[in-house]
Amino acid sequence: MSTMALPYREPLVPRDPGDRQIPEPPRRGEPGGPPCAICAGKTTSAVWSDDNWTLHAPVQGSLPGAVWLASRIHVDSFADLPEELAADFGRVAARVERAILALGDVARVHLYRWGDGGAHFHVWFLPRPLGMLEASGMALPIWEDVLPNVTDEELAAAAKRVASMM
């Protein structure tokens, strides 16, 4: 039985979506869009890397232990990863998850891939705090957005602890 709950008081009122924008505007890293921030090195420095991947701490977040993993090559999605990198993703994702769980006070690690902001493959790993059942499943990123932020230094320190266990 799930106790997932949104971090807002009732009643929430559904609204109609806006008009569709077709064609969609280009994202970062797509032709006609701004340059890819990951390729340009305009993101947080990697706390861990290997030949295929870089692991980064977020900024302005509320969940110490959250990290994001990016491919070294500029591809957009799972569908674009070369087969060997797609297979390697599973190996590295398992290592990241084990390292986050080893931080303690973490019940689950949720993986999220949103590709709407940039066209460079990256996946978020978000730790659900132990006992915070209302943040189960899809509610976790919504809670992450409304919980008080910790300092960027705390986020970076937790990411470095994750990296040290990789």
N, C-alpha and C. Protein backbone atom coordinates (compact mmCIF):
# COMPACT_ATOMS: atom_id res chain seq x y z
N MET A 1 0.84 -1.18 0.00
CA MET A 1 0.00 0.00 0.00
C MET A 1 0.89 1.24 0.00
N SER A 2 0.67 2.11 -0.95
CA SER A 2 1.48 3.32 -1.07
C SER A 2 0.88 4.46 -0.26
N THR A 3 1.75 5.23 0.35
CA THR A 3 1.30 6.42 1.08
C THR A 3 1.83 7.68 0.41
N MET A 4 2.15 7.56 -0.88
CA MET A 4 2.65 8.70 -1.63
C MET A 4 1.66 9.86 -1.51
N ALA A 5 2.17 11.05 -1.31
CA ALA A 5 1.32 12.24 -1.22
C ALA A 5 2.09 13.43 -1.76
N LEU A 6 1.37 14.32 -2.39
CA LEU A 6 1.99 15.55 -2.88
C LEU A 6 2.20 16.51 -1.72
N PRO A 7 3.19 17.39 -1.84
CA PRO A 7 3.48 18.32 -0.74
C PRO A 7 2.62 19.58 -0.76
N TYR A 8 1.38 19.43 -1.15
CA TYR A 8 0.47 20.56 -1.22
C TYR A 8 -0.82 20.21 -0.50
N ARG A 9 -1.48 21.19 0.06
CA ARG A 9 -2.77 20.97 0.72
C ARG A 9 -3.86 20.85 -0.33
N GLU A 10 -4.89 20.12 0.01
CA GLU A 10 -6.06 19.94 -0.86
C GLU A 10 -6.94 21.18 -0.77
N PRO A 11 -7.77 21.50 -1.70
CA PRO A 11 -7.94 20.75 -2.94
C PRO A 11 -7.04 21.29 -4.05
N LEU A 12 -6.44 20.40 -4.78
CA LEU A 12 -5.75 20.76 -6.01
C LEU A 12 -6.79 20.71 -7.12
N VAL A 13 -6.70 21.63 -8.03
CA VAL A 13 -7.68 21.71 -9.10
C VAL A 13 -6.98 21.44 -10.43
N PRO A 14 -7.43 20.42 -11.17
CA PRO A 14 -6.81 20.16 -12.46
C PRO A 14 -7.04 21.33 -13.41
N ARG A 15 -6.11 21.52 -14.30
CA ARG A 15 -6.30 22.56 -15.32
C ARG A 15 -6.02 21.95 -16.68
N ASP A 16 -6.49 22.60 -17.70
CA ASP A 16 -6.27 22.12 -19.06
C ASP A 16 -4.85 22.48 -19.49
N PRO A 17 -4.23 21.61 -20.29
CA PRO A 17 -2.89 21.95 -20.80
C PRO A 17 -2.99 23.09 -21.81
N GLY A 18 -1.87 23.78 -21.97
CA GLY A 18 -1.81 24.86 -22.95
C GLY A 18 -1.77 24.31 -24.37
N ASP A 19 -1.77 25.21 -25.32
CA ASP A 19 -1.67 24.80 -26.72
C ASP A 19 -0.32 24.13 -26.96
N ARG A 20 -0.31 23.14 -27.81
CA ARG A 20 0.94 22.47 -28.16
C ARG A 20 1.80 23.38 -29.03
N GLN A 21 3.11 23.28 -28.84
CA GLN A 21 4.06 24.06 -29.64
C GLN A 21 4.77 23.10 -30.59
N ILE A 22 4.38 23.16 -31.85
CA ILE A 22 4.97 22.28 -32.86
C ILE A 22 5.42 23.15 -34.01
N PRO A 23 6.68 23.14 -34.39
CA PRO A 23 7.72 22.31 -33.80
C PRO A 23 8.12 22.84 -32.42
N GLU A 24 8.67 21.94 -31.61
CA GLU A 24 9.15 22.36 -30.29
C GLU A 24 10.43 23.18 -30.45
N PRO A 25 10.65 24.12 -29.53
CA PRO A 25 11.88 24.91 -29.62
C PRO A 25 13.11 24.02 -29.38
N PRO A 26 14.24 24.34 -30.00
CA PRO A 26 15.43 23.51 -29.81
C PRO A 26 15.95 23.59 -28.37
N ARG A 27 16.45 22.47 -27.89
CA ARG A 27 17.02 22.39 -26.54
C ARG A 27 18.52 22.70 -26.60
N ARG A 28 19.11 22.85 -25.40
CA ARG A 28 20.57 23.00 -25.33
C ARG A 28 21.22 21.78 -25.99
N GLY A 29 22.17 22.04 -26.86
CA GLY A 29 22.89 20.95 -27.50
C GLY A 29 22.28 20.45 -28.78
N GLU A 30 21.16 21.04 -29.20
CA GLU A 30 20.54 20.69 -30.48
C GLU A 30 20.84 21.78 -31.50
N PRO A 31 20.84 21.44 -32.79
CA PRO A 31 21.02 22.49 -33.80
C PRO A 31 19.98 23.60 -33.62
N GLY A 32 20.46 24.84 -33.62
CA GLY A 32 19.59 25.99 -33.45
C GLY A 32 19.36 26.38 -32.00
N GLY A 33 19.80 25.55 -31.07
CA GLY A 33 19.64 25.84 -29.65
C GLY A 33 20.94 26.33 -29.05
N PRO A 34 20.92 26.67 -27.78
CA PRO A 34 22.16 27.07 -27.11
C PRO A 34 23.15 25.91 -27.07
N PRO A 35 24.44 26.21 -26.84
CA PRO A 35 25.43 25.14 -26.77
C PRO A 35 25.15 24.17 -25.63
N CYS A 36 25.63 22.95 -25.76
CA CYS A 36 25.49 21.94 -24.72
C CYS A 36 26.36 22.32 -23.53
N ALA A 37 25.74 22.52 -22.37
CA ALA A 37 26.48 22.92 -21.17
C ALA A 37 27.40 21.80 -20.69
N ILE A 38 26.99 20.55 -20.86
CA ILE A 38 27.83 19.43 -20.42
C ILE A 38 29.09 19.36 -21.27
N CYS A 39 28.93 19.41 -22.59
CA CYS A 39 30.10 19.36 -23.48
C CYS A 39 31.02 20.57 -23.27
N ALA A 40 30.43 21.73 -22.96
CA ALA A 40 31.21 22.96 -22.77
C ALA A 40 31.84 23.05 -21.39
N GLY A 41 31.57 22.06 -20.52
CA GLY A 41 32.14 22.09 -19.17
C GLY A 41 31.53 23.17 -18.30
N LYS A 42 30.29 23.55 -18.56
CA LYS A 42 29.63 24.63 -17.81
C LYS A 42 28.67 24.05 -16.76
N THR A 43 29.03 22.91 -16.19
CA THR A 43 28.24 22.28 -15.13
C THR A 43 29.15 22.13 -13.91
N THR A 44 28.62 21.52 -12.87
CA THR A 44 29.49 21.23 -11.73
C THR A 44 30.58 20.26 -12.18
N SER A 45 31.73 20.37 -11.56
CA SER A 45 32.85 19.47 -11.89
C SER A 45 32.48 18.04 -11.54
N ALA A 46 33.00 17.12 -12.29
CA ALA A 46 32.76 15.71 -12.02
C ALA A 46 33.42 15.32 -10.70
N VAL A 47 32.68 14.55 -9.89
CA VAL A 47 33.24 14.02 -8.65
C VAL A 47 33.81 12.62 -8.89
N TRP A 48 33.45 12.02 -10.03
CA TRP A 48 33.95 10.69 -10.41
C TRP A 48 33.81 10.59 -11.92
N SER A 49 34.68 9.84 -12.54
CA SER A 49 34.55 9.60 -13.97
C SER A 49 35.29 8.33 -14.35
N ASP A 50 34.93 7.80 -15.51
CA ASP A 50 35.68 6.73 -16.13
C ASP A 50 35.71 7.03 -17.63
N ASP A 51 36.01 6.05 -18.45
CA ASP A 51 36.13 6.31 -19.89
C ASP A 51 34.81 6.71 -20.54
N ASN A 52 33.67 6.32 -19.93
CA ASN A 52 32.37 6.54 -20.57
C ASN A 52 31.48 7.55 -19.86
N TRP A 53 31.69 7.80 -18.56
CA TRP A 53 30.73 8.53 -17.75
C TRP A 53 31.38 9.56 -16.84
N THR A 54 30.61 10.58 -16.50
CA THR A 54 31.01 11.53 -15.46
C THR A 54 29.86 11.64 -14.47
N LEU A 55 30.21 11.74 -13.18
CA LEU A 55 29.22 11.83 -12.11
C LEU A 55 29.35 13.20 -11.46
N HIS A 56 28.21 13.87 -11.24
CA HIS A 56 28.21 15.26 -10.78
C HIS A 56 27.27 15.47 -9.59
N ALA A 57 27.63 16.44 -8.78
CA ALA A 57 26.75 16.90 -7.69
C ALA A 57 25.79 17.94 -8.26
N PRO A 58 24.58 17.99 -7.74
CA PRO A 58 23.66 19.06 -8.14
C PRO A 58 23.96 20.33 -7.37
N VAL A 59 23.30 21.40 -7.73
CA VAL A 59 23.31 22.64 -6.96
C VAL A 59 21.86 23.01 -6.67
N GLN A 60 21.68 23.80 -5.62
CA GLN A 60 20.35 24.28 -5.23
C GLN A 60 19.35 23.13 -5.09
N GLY A 61 19.73 22.14 -4.28
CA GLY A 61 18.87 20.98 -4.05
C GLY A 61 18.65 20.73 -2.58
N SER A 62 17.75 19.80 -2.31
CA SER A 62 17.37 19.52 -0.92
C SER A 62 17.70 18.10 -0.47
N LEU A 63 18.28 17.27 -1.35
CA LEU A 63 18.53 15.87 -1.01
C LEU A 63 20.03 15.55 -1.09
N PRO A 64 20.74 15.63 0.02
CA PRO A 64 22.15 15.23 0.00
C PRO A 64 22.26 13.77 -0.46
N GLY A 65 23.18 13.52 -1.35
CA GLY A 65 23.34 12.20 -1.94
C GLY A 65 22.81 12.14 -3.36
N ALA A 66 22.02 13.14 -3.75
CA ALA A 66 21.57 13.20 -5.14
C ALA A 66 22.78 13.46 -6.04
N VAL A 67 22.82 12.79 -7.17
CA VAL A 67 23.88 12.99 -8.16
C VAL A 67 23.27 12.82 -9.55
N TRP A 68 24.00 13.28 -10.55
CA TRP A 68 23.58 13.00 -11.92
C TRP A 68 24.77 12.46 -12.71
N LEU A 69 24.46 11.51 -13.57
CA LEU A 69 25.46 10.79 -14.36
C LEU A 69 25.28 11.18 -15.82
N ALA A 70 26.36 11.56 -16.49
CA ALA A 70 26.30 11.97 -17.89
C ALA A 70 27.25 11.13 -18.73
N SER A 71 26.86 10.91 -19.97
CA SER A 71 27.75 10.23 -20.92
C SER A 71 28.85 11.20 -21.34
N ARG A 72 30.02 10.65 -21.60
CA ARG A 72 31.11 11.51 -22.12
C ARG A 72 30.82 11.94 -23.55
N ILE A 73 30.18 11.06 -24.31
CA ILE A 73 29.86 11.42 -25.69
C ILE A 73 28.52 12.15 -25.73
N HIS A 74 28.38 13.02 -26.71
CA HIS A 74 27.15 13.80 -26.84
C HIS A 74 26.14 12.98 -27.63
N VAL A 75 25.25 12.32 -26.89
CA VAL A 75 24.08 11.65 -27.46
C VAL A 75 22.89 12.11 -26.63
N ASP A 76 21.70 11.95 -27.19
CA ASP A 76 20.52 12.49 -26.55
C ASP A 76 19.87 11.55 -25.55
N SER A 77 19.67 10.31 -25.90
CA SER A 77 18.85 9.45 -25.05
C SER A 77 19.35 8.01 -25.07
N PHE A 78 18.66 7.16 -24.32
CA PHE A 78 19.00 5.74 -24.31
C PHE A 78 19.01 5.19 -25.73
N ALA A 79 18.07 5.63 -26.55
CA ALA A 79 17.97 5.14 -27.92
C ALA A 79 19.19 5.49 -28.75
N ASP A 80 19.93 6.53 -28.36
CA ASP A 80 21.10 6.98 -29.12
C ASP A 80 22.41 6.44 -28.58
N LEU A 81 22.39 5.84 -27.38
CA LEU A 81 23.64 5.31 -26.82
C LEU A 81 24.13 4.15 -27.66
N PRO A 82 25.43 4.12 -27.98
CA PRO A 82 25.96 2.92 -28.61
C PRO A 82 25.70 1.71 -27.70
N GLU A 83 25.53 0.54 -28.28
CA GLU A 83 25.14 -0.64 -27.53
C GLU A 83 26.06 -0.91 -26.33
N GLU A 84 27.37 -0.73 -26.51
CA GLU A 84 28.28 -1.01 -25.39
C GLU A 84 28.08 -0.02 -24.24
N LEU A 85 27.75 1.23 -24.55
CA LEU A 85 27.47 2.20 -23.47
C LEU A 85 26.13 1.93 -22.81
N ALA A 86 25.14 1.51 -23.59
CA ALA A 86 23.86 1.17 -23.01
C ALA A 86 24.02 0.02 -22.02
N ALA A 87 24.82 -0.97 -22.37
CA ALA A 87 25.08 -2.09 -21.45
C ALA A 87 25.88 -1.62 -20.24
N ASP A 88 26.86 -0.75 -20.47
CA ASP A 88 27.70 -0.26 -19.38
C ASP A 88 26.90 0.62 -18.42
N PHE A 89 25.85 1.26 -18.90
CA PHE A 89 25.03 2.10 -18.03
C PHE A 89 24.51 1.28 -16.85
N GLY A 90 24.05 0.08 -17.09
CA GLY A 90 23.54 -0.76 -16.01
C GLY A 90 24.59 -1.03 -14.95
N ARG A 91 25.80 -1.32 -15.36
CA ARG A 91 26.90 -1.57 -14.42
C ARG A 91 27.16 -0.33 -13.57
N VAL A 92 27.26 0.82 -14.20
CA VAL A 92 27.58 2.05 -13.48
C VAL A 92 26.40 2.49 -12.61
N ALA A 93 25.18 2.37 -13.13
CA ALA A 93 24.00 2.75 -12.34
C ALA A 93 23.92 1.92 -11.06
N ALA A 94 24.24 0.65 -11.15
CA ALA A 94 24.22 -0.20 -9.95
C ALA A 94 25.27 0.27 -8.94
N ARG A 95 26.44 0.66 -9.41
CA ARG A 95 27.49 1.17 -8.51
C ARG A 95 27.05 2.46 -7.84
N VAL A 96 26.44 3.36 -8.60
CA VAL A 96 25.96 4.62 -8.04
C VAL A 96 24.89 4.35 -6.98
N GLU A 97 23.95 3.47 -7.30
CA GLU A 97 22.89 3.17 -6.34
C GLU A 97 23.45 2.58 -5.05
N ARG A 98 24.37 1.61 -5.17
CA ARG A 98 24.96 1.02 -3.96
C ARG A 98 25.68 2.08 -3.12
N ALA A 99 26.38 2.98 -3.79
CA ALA A 99 27.11 4.03 -3.07
C ALA A 99 26.16 4.98 -2.36
N ILE A 100 25.06 5.36 -3.00
CA ILE A 100 24.09 6.26 -2.35
C ILE A 100 23.44 5.56 -1.16
N LEU A 101 23.06 4.31 -1.33
CA LEU A 101 22.46 3.56 -0.22
C LEU A 101 23.43 3.45 0.95
N ALA A 102 24.73 3.35 0.66
CA ALA A 102 25.73 3.22 1.71
C ALA A 102 25.89 4.50 2.53
N LEU A 103 25.36 5.62 2.05
CA LEU A 103 25.41 6.86 2.83
C LEU A 103 24.62 6.73 4.12
N GLY A 104 23.63 5.85 4.13
CA GLY A 104 22.77 5.68 5.29
C GLY A 104 21.60 6.64 5.24
N ASP A 105 20.53 6.32 5.95
CA ASP A 105 19.32 7.13 6.03
C ASP A 105 18.65 7.29 4.68
N VAL A 106 18.88 6.32 3.77
CA VAL A 106 18.28 6.32 2.44
C VAL A 106 17.47 5.04 2.29
N ALA A 107 16.19 5.18 1.94
CA ALA A 107 15.33 4.01 1.76
C ALA A 107 15.45 3.43 0.36
N ARG A 108 15.39 4.28 -0.64
CA ARG A 108 15.43 3.86 -2.04
C ARG A 108 16.18 4.93 -2.82
N VAL A 109 16.68 4.51 -3.98
CA VAL A 109 17.30 5.45 -4.91
C VAL A 109 16.46 5.41 -6.19
N HIS A 110 15.90 6.56 -6.56
CA HIS A 110 15.08 6.66 -7.76
C HIS A 110 15.91 7.26 -8.89
N LEU A 111 15.77 6.70 -10.07
CA LEU A 111 16.44 7.21 -11.25
C LEU A 111 15.43 7.94 -12.12
N TYR A 112 15.82 9.13 -12.57
CA TYR A 112 14.96 9.93 -13.42
C TYR A 112 15.76 10.44 -14.60
N ARG A 113 15.15 10.36 -15.77
CA ARG A 113 15.77 10.94 -16.95
C ARG A 113 14.75 11.86 -17.60
N TRP A 114 15.00 13.16 -17.48
CA TRP A 114 14.20 14.14 -18.18
C TRP A 114 15.08 14.70 -19.28
N GLY A 115 14.60 14.70 -20.50
CA GLY A 115 15.41 15.18 -21.60
C GLY A 115 14.93 16.51 -22.16
N ASP A 116 14.08 17.22 -21.43
CA ASP A 116 13.51 18.44 -21.99
C ASP A 116 14.43 19.64 -21.94
N GLY A 117 15.41 19.65 -21.05
CA GLY A 117 16.26 20.82 -20.92
C GLY A 117 17.46 20.80 -21.84
N GLY A 118 18.07 19.65 -22.00
CA GLY A 118 19.26 19.55 -22.82
C GLY A 118 19.31 18.23 -23.55
N ALA A 119 20.01 18.23 -24.67
CA ALA A 119 20.09 17.06 -25.54
C ALA A 119 21.35 16.25 -25.30
N HIS A 120 21.84 16.22 -24.06
CA HIS A 120 23.01 15.41 -23.71
C HIS A 120 22.54 14.38 -22.69
N PHE A 121 22.83 13.10 -22.92
CA PHE A 121 22.36 12.02 -22.06
C PHE A 121 22.83 12.22 -20.62
N HIS A 122 21.87 12.29 -19.71
CA HIS A 122 22.18 12.35 -18.28
C HIS A 122 20.99 11.81 -17.49
N VAL A 123 21.29 11.16 -16.39
CA VAL A 123 20.28 10.52 -15.55
C VAL A 123 20.50 10.99 -14.12
N TRP A 124 19.40 11.33 -13.44
CA TRP A 124 19.44 11.76 -12.05
C TRP A 124 19.22 10.58 -11.13
N PHE A 125 19.96 10.53 -10.04
CA PHE A 125 19.80 9.55 -8.98
C PHE A 125 19.38 10.33 -7.73
N LEU A 126 18.14 10.10 -7.27
CA LEU A 126 17.62 10.84 -6.11
C LEU A 126 17.39 9.88 -4.95
N PRO A 127 17.99 10.14 -3.80
CA PRO A 127 17.78 9.28 -2.64
C PRO A 127 16.49 9.67 -1.92
N ARG A 128 15.61 8.68 -1.75
CA ARG A 128 14.42 8.95 -0.93
C ARG A 128 14.78 8.74 0.53
N PRO A 129 14.64 9.77 1.36
CA PRO A 129 14.99 9.63 2.77
C PRO A 129 14.23 8.49 3.44
N LEU A 130 14.93 7.74 4.25
CA LEU A 130 14.36 6.63 4.99
C LEU A 130 13.15 7.11 5.78
N GLY A 131 12.03 6.42 5.63
CA GLY A 131 10.81 6.73 6.36
C GLY A 131 9.93 7.80 5.73
N MET A 132 10.41 8.48 4.70
CA MET A 132 9.61 9.54 4.07
C MET A 132 8.72 8.92 2.99
N LEU A 133 7.72 8.18 3.43
CA LEU A 133 6.87 7.42 2.52
C LEU A 133 6.05 8.31 1.60
N GLU A 134 5.70 9.51 2.04
CA GLU A 134 4.92 10.39 1.18
C GLU A 134 5.70 10.79 -0.07
N ALA A 135 7.02 10.62 -0.05
CA ALA A 135 7.85 10.96 -1.21
C ALA A 135 8.14 9.74 -2.08
N SER A 136 7.37 8.68 -1.91
CA SER A 136 7.57 7.48 -2.72
C SER A 136 7.26 7.76 -4.19
N GLY A 137 7.94 7.01 -5.04
CA GLY A 137 7.64 7.04 -6.47
C GLY A 137 7.78 8.42 -7.09
N MET A 138 6.80 8.73 -7.93
CA MET A 138 6.87 9.97 -8.70
C MET A 138 6.76 11.22 -7.84
N ALA A 139 6.39 11.08 -6.58
CA ALA A 139 6.28 12.25 -5.71
C ALA A 139 7.65 12.77 -5.26
N LEU A 140 8.70 11.94 -5.33
CA LEU A 140 10.00 12.38 -4.82
C LEU A 140 10.52 13.65 -5.47
N PRO A 141 10.53 13.78 -6.80
CA PRO A 141 11.06 15.05 -7.35
C PRO A 141 10.20 16.26 -7.02
N ILE A 142 8.91 16.05 -6.76
CA ILE A 142 8.06 17.17 -6.38
C ILE A 142 8.41 17.60 -4.96
N TRP A 143 8.59 16.62 -4.06
CA TRP A 143 9.02 16.94 -2.70
C TRP A 143 10.40 17.59 -2.73
N GLU A 144 11.30 17.07 -3.55
CA GLU A 144 12.65 17.63 -3.61
C GLU A 144 12.60 19.10 -3.96
N ASP A 145 11.65 19.47 -4.78
CA ASP A 145 11.52 20.86 -5.21
C ASP A 145 11.01 21.78 -4.11
N VAL A 146 10.23 21.25 -3.16
CA VAL A 146 9.64 22.13 -2.14
C VAL A 146 10.31 22.02 -0.78
N LEU A 147 11.10 20.98 -0.54
CA LEU A 147 11.84 20.89 0.72
C LEU A 147 12.89 22.00 0.79
N PRO A 148 13.26 22.44 1.98
CA PRO A 148 14.30 23.48 2.06
C PRO A 148 15.62 22.97 1.48
N ASN A 149 16.25 23.82 0.70
CA ASN A 149 17.55 23.46 0.14
C ASN A 149 18.60 23.36 1.23
N VAL A 150 19.54 22.45 1.02
CA VAL A 150 20.75 22.41 1.83
C VAL A 150 21.79 23.23 1.06
N THR A 151 22.93 23.45 1.64
CA THR A 151 23.95 24.23 0.94
C THR A 151 24.55 23.43 -0.21
N ASP A 152 25.03 24.15 -1.21
CA ASP A 152 25.71 23.48 -2.32
C ASP A 152 26.93 22.72 -1.82
N GLU A 153 27.57 23.22 -0.76
CA GLU A 153 28.73 22.53 -0.18
C GLU A 153 28.31 21.18 0.41
N GLU A 154 27.14 21.14 1.05
CA GLU A 154 26.65 19.87 1.59
C GLU A 154 26.31 18.88 0.47
N LEU A 155 25.70 19.37 -0.61
CA LEU A 155 25.41 18.52 -1.76
C LEU A 155 26.70 17.97 -2.36
N ALA A 156 27.71 18.84 -2.50
CA ALA A 156 28.99 18.42 -3.08
C ALA A 156 29.70 17.42 -2.18
N ALA A 157 29.66 17.64 -0.87
CA ALA A 157 30.32 16.72 0.07
C ALA A 157 29.67 15.34 0.01
N ALA A 158 28.35 15.30 -0.06
CA ALA A 158 27.66 14.01 -0.15
C ALA A 158 27.99 13.32 -1.48
N ALA A 159 28.04 14.09 -2.56
CA ALA A 159 28.39 13.52 -3.87
C ALA A 159 29.81 12.98 -3.85
N LYS A 160 30.71 13.66 -3.18
CA LYS A 160 32.09 13.16 -3.08
C LYS A 160 32.15 11.88 -2.26
N ARG A 161 31.30 11.76 -1.24
CA ARG A 161 31.23 10.49 -0.48
C ARG A 161 30.72 9.37 -1.39
N VAL A 162 29.72 9.67 -2.23
CA VAL A 162 29.24 8.68 -3.20
C VAL A 162 30.39 8.28 -4.12
N ALA A 163 31.09 9.27 -4.64
CA ALA A 163 32.21 9.00 -5.56
C ALA A 163 33.29 8.14 -4.91
N SER A 164 33.54 8.37 -3.63
CA SER A 164 34.59 7.61 -2.95
C SER A 164 34.25 6.13 -2.82
N MET A 165 32.95 5.81 -2.94
CA MET A 165 32.52 4.41 -2.84
C MET A 165 32.35 3.77 -4.20
N MET A 166 32.63 4.53 -5.24
CA MET A 166 32.52 3.99 -6.60
C MET A 166 33.75 3.16 -6.91
